[in-house]
Amino acid sequence: QVQLVESGGGLVQAGGSLRLSCAASGRTFRSYLMGWFRQAPGKEREFVAAISQGGGSSYYPDSVQGRFTISRDNVKNTVYLQMDSLKPEDTAVYYCAGRTGGNPPYSFSYVSEERTYDNWGQGTQVTVSS
């Protein structure tokens, strides 16, 4: 198990940028597939991005492709989500998630499924004003 703590959320105007961080405890972070999800009020949680253990593969849905970038630093035990060109519809609580084991390449359906991940952070609020 790994403990995940998100930070970096806040209020930003449309068109602006934010970088979220997710710090992981433990010495096995490098073995974890990591993902970001978000949940807006009244909506189901949805997949935002994922990155393989070594960082060589990343995955995005069409809704954020080209605007969001996921990265990781396995020395600092941290995964990041750089969010650019933010839109009001990006407003949500953002969660990072992790799963140990497995080897890339992964299918999009696998990395985008909530049930794939068994470690979750508490979430950080992102609000984009118009």
Protein backbone atom coordinates (compact mmCIF):
# COMPACT_ATOMS: atom_id res chain seq x y z
CA GLN A 1 0.00 0.00 0.00
CA VAL A 2 1.07 3.56 -0.64
CA GLN A 3 -0.29 6.74 0.89
CA LEU A 4 -1.16 9.44 -1.65
CA VAL A 5 -1.51 13.16 -0.89
CA GLU A 6 -2.56 15.65 -3.56
CA SER A 7 -1.78 19.35 -3.56
CA GLY A 8 -1.77 22.30 -5.92
CA GLY A 9 -5.46 22.84 -6.44
CA GLY A 10 -7.04 26.28 -6.33
CA LEU A 11 -9.00 28.93 -8.19
CA VAL A 12 -7.87 29.99 -11.66
CA GLN A 13 -9.40 31.93 -14.52
CA ALA A 14 -10.35 30.24 -17.77
CA GLY A 15 -7.31 29.93 -20.01
CA GLY A 16 -4.97 29.72 -17.06
CA SER A 17 -2.79 26.90 -15.76
CA LEU A 18 -2.33 24.84 -12.62
CA ARG A 19 0.03 22.04 -11.68
CA LEU A 20 -1.19 19.37 -9.33
CA SER A 21 1.17 17.18 -7.35
CA CYS A 22 0.61 13.84 -5.72
CA ALA A 23 3.20 12.75 -3.19
CA ALA A 24 3.46 9.07 -2.36
CA SER A 25 4.86 7.42 0.73
CA GLY A 26 6.86 4.24 0.71
CA ARG A 27 9.75 2.90 -1.30
CA THR A 28 7.76 1.10 -3.98
CA PHE A 29 6.37 4.10 -5.84
CA ARG A 30 8.34 3.22 -8.94
CA SER A 31 6.34 0.01 -9.26
CA TYR A 32 3.00 1.85 -9.41
CA LEU A 33 0.91 2.69 -12.42
CA MET A 34 -0.40 6.17 -11.53
CA GLY A 35 -3.53 7.95 -12.64
CA TRP A 36 -5.53 11.12 -12.16
CA PHE A 37 -9.32 11.23 -11.98
CA ARG A 38 -11.77 14.04 -11.33
CA GLN A 39 -15.29 14.39 -10.05
CA ALA A 40 -17.51 17.41 -10.62
CA PRO A 41 -20.58 18.08 -8.46
CA GLY A 42 -23.42 15.79 -9.42
CA LYS A 43 -21.31 13.80 -11.86
CA GLU A 44 -19.48 10.50 -11.82
CA ARG A 45 -15.75 10.37 -11.35
CA GLU A 46 -13.95 10.40 -14.68
CA PHE A 47 -10.50 9.51 -15.93
CA VAL A 48 -8.09 12.34 -16.66
CA ALA A 49 -4.63 10.84 -17.22
CA ALA A 50 -2.37 7.91 -16.42
CA ILE A 51 1.33 7.18 -16.61
CA SER A 52 3.25 3.94 -16.60
CA GLN A 53 5.77 2.98 -13.95
CA GLY A 54 8.80 4.29 -15.81
CA GLY A 55 7.00 7.25 -17.33
CA GLY A 56 7.40 6.01 -20.88
CA SER A 57 3.68 5.68 -21.59
CA SER A 58 0.93 8.19 -20.86
CA TYR A 59 -2.78 8.11 -21.54
CA TYR A 60 -5.44 10.83 -21.86
CA PRO A 61 -9.09 11.06 -22.81
CA ASP A 62 -10.02 13.36 -25.69
CA SER A 63 -11.43 15.93 -23.27
CA VAL A 64 -7.96 16.85 -21.94
CA GLN A 65 -5.62 15.62 -24.69
CA GLY A 66 -3.27 18.43 -25.69
CA ARG A 67 -4.09 20.52 -22.60
CA PHE A 68 -3.05 18.27 -19.70
CA THR A 69 0.31 16.55 -19.19
CA ILE A 70 1.04 13.85 -16.65
CA SER A 71 4.58 13.21 -15.46
CA ARG A 72 6.35 11.55 -12.58
CA ASP A 73 9.56 11.75 -10.60
CA ASN A 74 10.42 8.35 -9.15
CA VAL A 75 13.17 9.84 -7.01
CA LYS A 76 10.79 12.30 -5.36
CA ASN A 77 7.94 9.76 -5.29
CA THR A 78 5.65 12.29 -6.93
CA VAL A 79 3.31 12.36 -9.89
CA TYR A 80 2.26 15.64 -11.48
CA LEU A 81 -0.60 16.88 -13.60
CA GLN A 82 0.15 20.03 -15.56
CA MET A 83 -3.14 21.59 -16.65
CA ASP A 84 -3.07 24.31 -19.30
CA SER A 85 -5.81 26.17 -21.18
CA LEU A 86 -8.21 25.43 -18.37
CA LYS A 87 -11.93 25.63 -18.98
CA PRO A 88 -14.83 26.09 -16.54
CA GLU A 89 -15.84 22.49 -17.26
CA ASP A 90 -12.53 21.34 -15.76
CA THR A 91 -13.84 22.39 -12.36
CA ALA A 92 -13.82 19.33 -10.12
CA VAL A 93 -12.13 17.58 -7.24
CA TYR A 94 -9.03 15.90 -8.64
CA TYR A 95 -7.81 12.59 -7.25
CA CYS A 96 -4.62 10.70 -7.83
CA ALA A 97 -4.65 6.93 -7.78
CA GLY A 98 -2.12 4.13 -7.97
CA ARG A 99 -1.82 0.44 -8.62
CA THR A 100 1.22 -1.75 -8.24
CA GLY A 101 2.16 -4.51 -10.62
CA GLY A 102 1.56 -5.03 -14.30
CA ASN A 103 3.66 -3.99 -17.26
CA PRO A 104 3.09 -1.53 -20.07
CA PRO A 105 1.80 -1.13 -22.62
CA TYR A 106 -1.64 -0.97 -21.06
CA SER A 107 -4.95 -0.67 -22.86
CA PHE A 108 -6.79 2.63 -22.54
CA SER A 109 -9.77 0.82 -21.08
CA TYR A 110 -7.55 -0.62 -18.34
CA VAL A 111 -5.90 2.62 -17.23
CA SER A 112 -9.12 4.64 -17.44
CA GLU A 113 -11.11 2.28 -15.22
CA GLU A 114 -11.48 3.26 -11.54
CA ARG A 115 -11.43 -0.38 -10.47
CA THR A 116 -7.89 -0.75 -11.80
CA TYR A 117 -6.55 1.36 -8.93
CA ASP A 118 -6.45 0.33 -5.28
CA ASN A 119 -4.78 3.37 -3.71
CA TRP A 120 -6.45 6.78 -3.71
CA GLY A 121 -5.66 10.22 -2.39
CA GLN A 122 -8.13 12.50 -0.62
CA GLY A 123 -8.52 14.89 -3.55
CA THR A 124 -7.79 18.53 -4.25
CA GLN A 125 -10.31 21.10 -5.50
CA VAL A 126 -9.77 22.84 -8.83
CA THR A 127 -12.12 25.69 -9.72
CA VAL A 128 -11.96 27.43 -13.08
CA SER A 129 -13.86 30.70 -13.34
CA SER A 130 -15.22 32.03 -16.62
